[in-house]
Amino acid sequence: MTKRRKARELALQFLYEEDGDISNLDYKINRFYDDFAAESLMRDGFIKIREDLNKKKDVSQIFDFFFNIVRGTLSNLEKIDDVIKSVAKNWAIERMSRIDRNILRLSVYEIMFIPETPRNVVINEAIEIAKKFGNDESPAFINGILDAAVKTK
């Protein structure tokens, strides 16, 4: 697994947990990263022990990207949700599964605000994350919405 994929997965898990709540954001991000993310990074082999969390360059790169996409997604949530609503015909964003909604949010953020990441990479990453965390229909749903979002951008 790449560092960016790991950061995206962690961002999804954080966004899923908070689902648009931006109160006490820095505190929540640091708490999440120190607790949940540390365990996840150990499980996936990025660190051996919890003390490595603040020592390894790879982990710092994961955290930086995670922090960027979480903060950026939540700071631009209204714009992002407007894009999703405009292309999600017959789907109210509130009725989408929490996983799908937050995969879409972090992916649309990357498409809109991180132009150095190729759009096809963002879509492919979103589909792979949807396969891991979503239901059987999630990958196709995510692909369709993001493809439409890219075409309208």
N, C-alpha and C. Protein backbone atom coordinates (compact mmCIF):
# COMPACT_ATOMS: atom_id res chain seq x y z
N MET A 1 0.84 -1.18 0.00
CA MET A 1 0.00 0.00 0.00
C MET A 1 0.89 1.24 0.00
N THR A 2 0.50 2.21 -0.82
CA THR A 2 1.29 3.44 -0.88
C THR A 2 0.97 4.34 0.31
N LYS A 3 1.86 5.30 0.54
CA LYS A 3 1.64 6.26 1.63
C LYS A 3 0.39 7.09 1.37
N ARG A 4 0.19 7.49 0.14
CA ARG A 4 -0.99 8.31 -0.17
C ARG A 4 -2.27 7.51 -0.01
N ARG A 5 -2.26 6.24 -0.41
CA ARG A 5 -3.45 5.40 -0.22
C ARG A 5 -3.76 5.29 1.27
N LYS A 6 -2.72 5.06 2.06
CA LYS A 6 -2.94 4.95 3.51
C LYS A 6 -3.51 6.26 4.06
N ALA A 7 -2.99 7.39 3.61
CA ALA A 7 -3.50 8.69 4.07
C ALA A 7 -4.96 8.86 3.67
N ARG A 8 -5.30 8.45 2.46
CA ARG A 8 -6.69 8.56 2.00
C ARG A 8 -7.62 7.67 2.83
N GLU A 9 -7.17 6.45 3.11
CA GLU A 9 -7.99 5.55 3.92
C GLU A 9 -8.21 6.11 5.32
N LEU A 10 -7.15 6.64 5.90
CA LEU A 10 -7.29 7.25 7.23
C LEU A 10 -8.20 8.46 7.17
N ALA A 11 -8.07 9.26 6.10
CA ALA A 11 -8.94 10.43 5.94
C ALA A 11 -10.40 9.99 5.84
N LEU A 12 -10.66 8.94 5.08
CA LEU A 12 -12.03 8.43 4.99
C LEU A 12 -12.54 8.03 6.36
N GLN A 13 -11.73 7.33 7.11
CA GLN A 13 -12.16 6.87 8.43
C GLN A 13 -12.43 8.05 9.36
N PHE A 14 -11.61 9.07 9.27
CA PHE A 14 -11.83 10.26 10.09
C PHE A 14 -13.11 10.97 9.63
N LEU A 15 -13.26 11.18 8.33
CA LEU A 15 -14.44 11.87 7.81
C LEU A 15 -15.71 11.08 8.11
N TYR A 16 -15.63 9.78 8.05
CA TYR A 16 -16.78 8.93 8.39
C TYR A 16 -17.18 9.16 9.84
N GLU A 17 -16.18 9.19 10.71
CA GLU A 17 -16.45 9.38 12.14
C GLU A 17 -17.07 10.75 12.42
N GLU A 18 -16.55 11.78 11.78
CA GLU A 18 -17.02 13.15 12.05
C GLU A 18 -18.19 13.55 11.16
N ASP A 19 -18.26 13.03 9.96
CA ASP A 19 -19.32 13.27 8.98
C ASP A 19 -19.75 14.74 8.90
N GLY A 20 -18.77 15.60 8.67
CA GLY A 20 -19.05 17.02 8.45
C GLY A 20 -18.92 17.91 9.67
N ASP A 21 -18.72 17.35 10.85
CA ASP A 21 -18.59 18.16 12.07
C ASP A 21 -17.17 18.72 12.14
N ILE A 22 -17.05 20.06 12.14
CA ILE A 22 -15.72 20.67 12.15
C ILE A 22 -15.38 21.31 13.49
N SER A 23 -16.17 21.07 14.50
CA SER A 23 -15.85 21.64 15.81
C SER A 23 -14.62 20.95 16.39
N ASN A 24 -13.75 21.72 17.02
CA ASN A 24 -12.52 21.20 17.65
C ASN A 24 -11.70 20.34 16.69
N LEU A 25 -11.58 20.78 15.47
CA LEU A 25 -10.99 19.96 14.42
C LEU A 25 -9.55 19.54 14.71
N ASP A 26 -8.68 20.47 15.07
CA ASP A 26 -7.29 20.11 15.32
C ASP A 26 -7.17 19.09 16.44
N TYR A 27 -7.92 19.28 17.51
CA TYR A 27 -7.91 18.32 18.62
C TYR A 27 -8.36 16.94 18.14
N LYS A 28 -9.46 16.89 17.38
CA LYS A 28 -9.98 15.61 16.90
C LYS A 28 -9.01 14.91 15.96
N ILE A 29 -8.38 15.70 15.08
CA ILE A 29 -7.42 15.12 14.14
C ILE A 29 -6.24 14.52 14.90
N ASN A 30 -5.69 15.26 15.83
CA ASN A 30 -4.54 14.75 16.60
C ASN A 30 -4.91 13.55 17.45
N ARG A 31 -6.08 13.58 18.08
CA ARG A 31 -6.53 12.44 18.87
C ARG A 31 -6.71 11.21 17.99
N PHE A 32 -7.36 11.38 16.84
CA PHE A 32 -7.57 10.29 15.90
C PHE A 32 -6.24 9.72 15.44
N TYR A 33 -5.32 10.60 15.08
CA TYR A 33 -4.05 10.15 14.54
C TYR A 33 -3.22 9.42 15.60
N ASP A 34 -3.18 9.97 16.81
CA ASP A 34 -2.40 9.34 17.88
C ASP A 34 -2.98 8.01 18.31
N ASP A 35 -4.29 7.88 18.26
CA ASP A 35 -4.93 6.65 18.74
C ASP A 35 -5.18 5.67 17.60
N PHE A 36 -6.19 5.94 16.81
CA PHE A 36 -6.61 5.00 15.78
C PHE A 36 -5.56 4.82 14.69
N ALA A 37 -5.04 5.93 14.17
CA ALA A 37 -4.09 5.85 13.05
C ALA A 37 -2.82 5.11 13.44
N ALA A 38 -2.36 5.30 14.65
CA ALA A 38 -1.15 4.61 15.09
C ALA A 38 -1.35 3.09 15.01
N GLU A 39 -2.49 2.63 15.48
CA GLU A 39 -2.78 1.18 15.42
C GLU A 39 -2.87 0.71 13.97
N SER A 40 -3.51 1.49 13.13
CA SER A 40 -3.66 1.15 11.73
C SER A 40 -2.31 1.12 11.01
N LEU A 41 -1.46 2.09 11.31
CA LEU A 41 -0.12 2.13 10.71
C LEU A 41 0.73 0.95 11.15
N MET A 42 0.58 0.52 12.38
CA MET A 42 1.31 -0.67 12.85
C MET A 42 0.77 -1.90 12.13
N ARG A 43 -0.54 -2.03 12.04
CA ARG A 43 -1.16 -3.18 11.40
C ARG A 43 -0.73 -3.31 9.93
N ASP A 44 -0.57 -2.18 9.25
CA ASP A 44 -0.20 -2.20 7.84
C ASP A 44 1.31 -2.13 7.60
N GLY A 45 2.10 -2.19 8.66
CA GLY A 45 3.54 -2.28 8.54
C GLY A 45 4.29 -0.99 8.30
N PHE A 46 3.65 0.16 8.46
CA PHE A 46 4.35 1.43 8.30
C PHE A 46 5.23 1.75 9.51
N ILE A 47 4.81 1.30 10.67
CA ILE A 47 5.62 1.45 11.89
C ILE A 47 5.60 0.13 12.65
N LYS A 48 6.64 -0.08 13.45
CA LYS A 48 6.72 -1.30 14.26
C LYS A 48 6.12 -1.09 15.65
N ILE A 49 6.43 0.06 16.23
CA ILE A 49 5.93 0.38 17.56
C ILE A 49 5.37 1.79 17.57
N ARG A 50 4.49 2.06 18.51
CA ARG A 50 3.83 3.36 18.60
C ARG A 50 4.82 4.53 18.64
N GLU A 51 5.97 4.32 19.25
CA GLU A 51 6.96 5.40 19.37
C GLU A 51 7.52 5.83 18.01
N ASP A 52 7.38 4.99 17.00
CA ASP A 52 7.84 5.33 15.65
C ASP A 52 6.94 6.37 14.98
N LEU A 53 5.78 6.62 15.56
CA LEU A 53 4.80 7.50 14.95
C LEU A 53 5.38 8.87 14.63
N ASN A 54 6.20 9.40 15.49
CA ASN A 54 6.76 10.74 15.29
C ASN A 54 8.21 10.73 14.82
N LYS A 55 8.73 9.55 14.47
CA LYS A 55 10.14 9.45 14.12
C LYS A 55 10.40 9.15 12.64
N LYS A 56 9.47 8.50 11.99
CA LYS A 56 9.71 8.05 10.62
C LYS A 56 9.22 9.06 9.59
N LYS A 57 10.05 9.29 8.57
CA LYS A 57 9.71 10.24 7.51
C LYS A 57 8.46 9.79 6.76
N ASP A 58 8.33 8.49 6.47
CA ASP A 58 7.15 7.98 5.77
C ASP A 58 5.88 8.32 6.52
N VAL A 59 5.90 8.17 7.83
CA VAL A 59 4.72 8.45 8.65
C VAL A 59 4.41 9.94 8.61
N SER A 60 5.42 10.76 8.63
CA SER A 60 5.23 12.21 8.54
C SER A 60 4.57 12.58 7.21
N GLN A 61 4.98 11.94 6.13
CA GLN A 61 4.38 12.20 4.83
C GLN A 61 2.92 11.75 4.79
N ILE A 62 2.63 10.61 5.41
CA ILE A 62 1.24 10.13 5.50
C ILE A 62 0.40 11.13 6.29
N PHE A 63 0.91 11.55 7.45
CA PHE A 63 0.16 12.49 8.28
C PHE A 63 -0.05 13.82 7.56
N ASP A 64 0.96 14.32 6.89
CA ASP A 64 0.83 15.60 6.18
C ASP A 64 -0.27 15.54 5.12
N PHE A 65 -0.29 14.47 4.33
CA PHE A 65 -1.31 14.33 3.30
C PHE A 65 -2.68 14.11 3.92
N PHE A 66 -2.74 13.26 4.93
CA PHE A 66 -3.99 13.03 5.67
C PHE A 66 -4.54 14.35 6.19
N PHE A 67 -3.70 15.13 6.87
CA PHE A 67 -4.12 16.40 7.45
C PHE A 67 -4.60 17.35 6.37
N ASN A 68 -3.88 17.42 5.26
CA ASN A 68 -4.24 18.30 4.16
C ASN A 68 -5.61 17.95 3.59
N ILE A 69 -5.86 16.68 3.31
CA ILE A 69 -7.14 16.34 2.69
C ILE A 69 -8.31 16.39 3.68
N VAL A 70 -8.06 16.08 4.94
CA VAL A 70 -9.13 16.20 5.94
C VAL A 70 -9.50 17.67 6.14
N ARG A 71 -8.51 18.48 6.43
CA ARG A 71 -8.77 19.90 6.66
C ARG A 71 -9.36 20.55 5.41
N GLY A 72 -8.80 20.25 4.25
CA GLY A 72 -9.30 20.82 3.01
C GLY A 72 -10.72 20.39 2.69
N THR A 73 -11.01 19.13 2.89
CA THR A 73 -12.36 18.63 2.64
C THR A 73 -13.37 19.32 3.56
N LEU A 74 -13.06 19.36 4.84
CA LEU A 74 -14.00 19.96 5.77
C LEU A 74 -14.11 21.48 5.61
N SER A 75 -13.03 22.13 5.22
CA SER A 75 -13.06 23.58 5.01
C SER A 75 -13.85 23.97 3.76
N ASN A 76 -13.95 23.07 2.82
CA ASN A 76 -14.63 23.35 1.56
C ASN A 76 -15.87 22.48 1.37
N LEU A 77 -16.42 22.02 2.46
CA LEU A 77 -17.51 21.04 2.42
C LEU A 77 -18.71 21.52 1.62
N GLU A 78 -19.08 22.77 1.77
CA GLU A 78 -20.26 23.27 1.05
C GLU A 78 -20.03 23.23 -0.46
N LYS A 79 -18.87 23.69 -0.91
CA LYS A 79 -18.55 23.66 -2.35
C LYS A 79 -18.50 22.22 -2.86
N ILE A 80 -17.88 21.36 -2.08
CA ILE A 80 -17.74 19.95 -2.47
C ILE A 80 -19.12 19.30 -2.57
N ASP A 81 -19.94 19.51 -1.56
CA ASP A 81 -21.28 18.92 -1.57
C ASP A 81 -22.12 19.47 -2.73
N ASP A 82 -21.92 20.74 -3.08
CA ASP A 82 -22.64 21.31 -4.23
C ASP A 82 -22.25 20.60 -5.53
N VAL A 83 -20.96 20.29 -5.68
CA VAL A 83 -20.51 19.56 -6.87
C VAL A 83 -21.14 18.17 -6.89
N ILE A 84 -21.11 17.48 -5.76
CA ILE A 84 -21.69 16.13 -5.70
C ILE A 84 -23.18 16.18 -6.01
N LYS A 85 -23.88 17.13 -5.41
CA LYS A 85 -25.33 17.26 -5.65
C LYS A 85 -25.63 17.55 -7.11
N SER A 86 -24.78 18.33 -7.76
CA SER A 86 -25.04 18.71 -9.15
C SER A 86 -24.90 17.54 -10.12
N VAL A 87 -24.12 16.54 -9.76
CA VAL A 87 -23.92 15.41 -10.67
C VAL A 87 -24.60 14.13 -10.21
N ALA A 88 -25.05 14.10 -8.98
CA ALA A 88 -25.70 12.90 -8.42
C ALA A 88 -27.20 12.98 -8.66
N LYS A 89 -27.58 12.75 -9.89
CA LYS A 89 -28.99 12.82 -10.26
C LYS A 89 -29.78 11.78 -9.46
N ASN A 90 -30.88 12.23 -8.92
CA ASN A 90 -31.80 11.36 -8.15
C ASN A 90 -31.20 10.82 -6.85
N TRP A 91 -30.11 11.44 -6.38
CA TRP A 91 -29.50 11.01 -5.13
C TRP A 91 -29.30 12.23 -4.23
N ALA A 92 -30.02 12.27 -3.14
CA ALA A 92 -29.77 13.32 -2.14
C ALA A 92 -28.51 12.92 -1.38
N ILE A 93 -27.63 13.85 -1.16
CA ILE A 93 -26.36 13.53 -0.51
C ILE A 93 -26.59 12.93 0.89
N GLU A 94 -27.65 13.38 1.55
CA GLU A 94 -27.96 12.89 2.89
C GLU A 94 -28.41 11.42 2.87
N ARG A 95 -28.89 10.95 1.72
CA ARG A 95 -29.36 9.57 1.62
C ARG A 95 -28.29 8.60 1.15
N MET A 96 -27.14 9.13 0.72
CA MET A 96 -26.03 8.26 0.33
C MET A 96 -25.49 7.59 1.59
N SER A 97 -24.90 6.42 1.40
CA SER A 97 -24.27 5.78 2.56
C SER A 97 -23.17 6.70 3.08
N ARG A 98 -22.93 6.64 4.35
CA ARG A 98 -21.93 7.50 4.99
C ARG A 98 -20.54 7.27 4.38
N ILE A 99 -20.23 6.02 4.08
CA ILE A 99 -18.94 5.68 3.46
C ILE A 99 -18.86 6.31 2.07
N ASP A 100 -19.86 6.07 1.23
CA ASP A 100 -19.83 6.59 -0.13
C ASP A 100 -19.76 8.12 -0.12
N ARG A 101 -20.57 8.75 0.70
CA ARG A 101 -20.59 10.22 0.78
C ARG A 101 -19.21 10.77 1.12
N ASN A 102 -18.52 10.14 2.05
CA ASN A 102 -17.22 10.66 2.47
C ASN A 102 -16.09 10.28 1.52
N ILE A 103 -16.19 9.17 0.83
CA ILE A 103 -15.24 8.87 -0.25
C ILE A 103 -15.39 9.93 -1.34
N LEU A 104 -16.62 10.23 -1.69
CA LEU A 104 -16.87 11.26 -2.70
C LEU A 104 -16.33 12.61 -2.26
N ARG A 105 -16.57 12.96 -1.02
CA ARG A 105 -16.11 14.26 -0.52
C ARG A 105 -14.59 14.39 -0.61
N LEU A 106 -13.86 13.41 -0.12
CA LEU A 106 -12.40 13.56 -0.14
C LEU A 106 -11.87 13.50 -1.56
N SER A 107 -12.53 12.74 -2.43
CA SER A 107 -12.09 12.64 -3.83
C SER A 107 -12.39 13.92 -4.60
N VAL A 108 -13.57 14.48 -4.40
CA VAL A 108 -13.90 15.75 -5.07
C VAL A 108 -12.97 16.85 -4.56
N TYR A 109 -12.63 16.81 -3.28
CA TYR A 109 -11.66 17.79 -2.78
C TYR A 109 -10.35 17.68 -3.57
N GLU A 110 -9.85 16.47 -3.73
CA GLU A 110 -8.60 16.29 -4.47
C GLU A 110 -8.72 16.77 -5.91
N ILE A 111 -9.83 16.44 -6.55
CA ILE A 111 -10.04 16.86 -7.94
C ILE A 111 -10.06 18.38 -8.05
N MET A 112 -10.73 19.03 -7.11
CA MET A 112 -10.90 20.48 -7.18
C MET A 112 -9.68 21.28 -6.72
N PHE A 113 -8.99 20.77 -5.69
CA PHE A 113 -7.99 21.60 -5.02
C PHE A 113 -6.56 21.06 -5.04
N ILE A 114 -6.35 19.85 -5.55
CA ILE A 114 -5.00 19.31 -5.65
C ILE A 114 -4.77 18.90 -7.10
N PRO A 115 -4.55 19.89 -7.96
CA PRO A 115 -4.46 19.61 -9.40
C PRO A 115 -3.25 18.76 -9.80
N GLU A 116 -2.23 18.70 -8.95
CA GLU A 116 -1.06 17.90 -9.31
C GLU A 116 -1.34 16.39 -9.26
N THR A 117 -2.41 15.99 -8.59
CA THR A 117 -2.80 14.58 -8.61
C THR A 117 -3.68 14.36 -9.84
N PRO A 118 -3.25 13.49 -10.74
CA PRO A 118 -4.07 13.24 -11.93
C PRO A 118 -5.47 12.76 -11.55
N ARG A 119 -6.44 13.26 -12.27
CA ARG A 119 -7.83 12.93 -11.95
C ARG A 119 -8.11 11.43 -12.04
N ASN A 120 -7.50 10.76 -13.01
CA ASN A 120 -7.71 9.31 -13.11
C ASN A 120 -7.14 8.58 -11.91
N VAL A 121 -6.09 9.11 -11.32
CA VAL A 121 -5.52 8.51 -10.10
C VAL A 121 -6.50 8.68 -8.94
N VAL A 122 -7.07 9.87 -8.82
CA VAL A 122 -8.05 10.12 -7.75
C VAL A 122 -9.22 9.16 -7.88
N ILE A 123 -9.73 9.01 -9.10
CA ILE A 123 -10.88 8.12 -9.31
C ILE A 123 -10.51 6.67 -9.01
N ASN A 124 -9.36 6.22 -9.50
CA ASN A 124 -8.94 4.84 -9.24
C ASN A 124 -8.74 4.58 -7.75
N GLU A 125 -8.14 5.53 -7.06
CA GLU A 125 -7.95 5.38 -5.61
C GLU A 125 -9.30 5.30 -4.90
N ALA A 126 -10.23 6.15 -5.31
CA ALA A 126 -11.57 6.15 -4.69
C ALA A 126 -12.27 4.82 -4.91
N ILE A 127 -12.15 4.28 -6.10
CA ILE A 127 -12.77 2.98 -6.40
C ILE A 127 -12.16 1.88 -5.54
N GLU A 128 -10.84 1.86 -5.42
CA GLU A 128 -10.19 0.84 -4.59
C GLU A 128 -10.58 0.97 -3.12
N ILE A 129 -10.66 2.19 -2.64
CA ILE A 129 -11.08 2.40 -1.25
C ILE A 129 -12.54 1.99 -1.07
N ALA A 130 -13.37 2.27 -2.07
CA ALA A 130 -14.78 1.85 -2.01
C ALA A 130 -14.90 0.33 -1.98
N LYS A 131 -14.04 -0.36 -2.71
CA LYS A 131 -14.05 -1.83 -2.69
C LYS A 131 -13.73 -2.35 -1.29
N LYS A 132 -12.84 -1.68 -0.61
CA LYS A 132 -12.41 -2.11 0.71
C LYS A 132 -13.43 -1.76 1.81
N PHE A 133 -13.99 -0.55 1.74
CA PHE A 133 -14.82 -0.06 2.84
C PHE A 133 -16.32 0.00 2.52
N GLY A 134 -16.68 0.04 1.26
CA GLY A 134 -18.08 0.21 0.89
C GLY A 134 -18.80 -1.11 0.71
N ASN A 135 -19.99 -1.02 0.11
CA ASN A 135 -20.75 -2.23 -0.18
C ASN A 135 -20.49 -2.64 -1.64
N ASP A 136 -21.20 -3.65 -2.11
CA ASP A 136 -20.96 -4.17 -3.46
C ASP A 136 -21.22 -3.13 -4.56
N GLU A 137 -22.15 -2.22 -4.32
CA GLU A 137 -22.49 -1.21 -5.32
C GLU A 137 -21.60 0.03 -5.24
N SER A 138 -20.86 0.19 -4.16
CA SER A 138 -20.08 1.41 -3.94
C SER A 138 -19.09 1.73 -5.06
N PRO A 139 -18.28 0.78 -5.52
CA PRO A 139 -17.28 1.14 -6.56
C PRO A 139 -17.91 1.74 -7.82
N ALA A 140 -18.98 1.12 -8.31
CA ALA A 140 -19.63 1.63 -9.53
C ALA A 140 -20.28 2.99 -9.26
N PHE A 141 -20.90 3.14 -8.12
CA PHE A 141 -21.54 4.41 -7.76
C PHE A 141 -20.51 5.52 -7.67
N ILE A 142 -19.43 5.27 -6.96
CA ILE A 142 -18.34 6.25 -6.80
C ILE A 142 -17.76 6.61 -8.16
N ASN A 143 -17.50 5.60 -8.99
CA ASN A 143 -16.94 5.83 -10.32
C ASN A 143 -17.86 6.73 -11.14
N GLY A 144 -19.14 6.45 -11.14
CA GLY A 144 -20.08 7.24 -11.93
C GLY A 144 -20.16 8.69 -11.48
N ILE A 145 -20.22 8.91 -10.19
CA ILE A 145 -20.32 10.28 -9.66
C ILE A 145 -19.01 11.04 -9.94
N LEU A 146 -17.88 10.42 -9.68
CA LEU A 146 -16.60 11.12 -9.89
C LEU A 146 -16.34 11.37 -11.37
N ASP A 147 -16.70 10.43 -12.21
CA ASP A 147 -16.54 10.63 -13.65
C ASP A 147 -17.36 11.84 -14.11
N ALA A 148 -18.59 11.93 -13.63
CA ALA A 148 -19.44 13.08 -13.97
C ALA A 148 -18.87 14.37 -13.40
N ALA A 149 -18.33 14.31 -12.19
CA ALA A 149 -17.75 15.51 -11.56
C ALA A 149 -16.55 16.00 -12.34
N VAL A 150 -15.72 15.09 -12.83
CA VAL A 150 -14.54 15.47 -13.62
C VAL A 150 -14.97 16.12 -14.93
N LYS A 151 -16.00 15.59 -15.54
CA LYS A 151 -16.47 16.13 -16.82
C LYS A 151 -17.06 17.53 -16.66
N THR A 152 -17.63 17.82 -15.51
CA THR A 152 -18.22 19.15 -15.30
C THR A 152 -17.20 20.16 -14.82
N LYS A 153 -16.06 19.71 -14.33
CA LYS A 153 -15.04 20.62 -13.76
C LYS A 153 -14.41 21.44 -14.84
